[in-house]
């Protein structure tokens, strides 16, 4: 794989909207409206970014009548678990209060 492939994949995790969507789906599938509520983002912004995440294979989407239900692709879940484990280890050994891992609201124990 080349640089652009990695850049595009990991870019999904550096974009705050997309990361918020991914994290909101960690515990299970949600509709667009549920994701909007959990992330606090505008519906149009969430919909746009959901499309990108599905296109990249990070999220799966299923139809339930007129609704679309989104979930994290099962192949991505181990990646998220590994990242969370790494972040927890970094937070435990870091004594610097300015450390980004210690300040991040998404990763509080």
Foldseek 3Di string as FASTA:
>chain_A
DDPVLVCLVCVLCVDVLSVLLQLVQLVHKDWLVSSCVSSVDDSVVNVVSVVSCVVNQQKDWDDDDPIIIIHGRPVCNVVVVVVLVVLVVCCVPDPDCPDPSNPDPSNDD
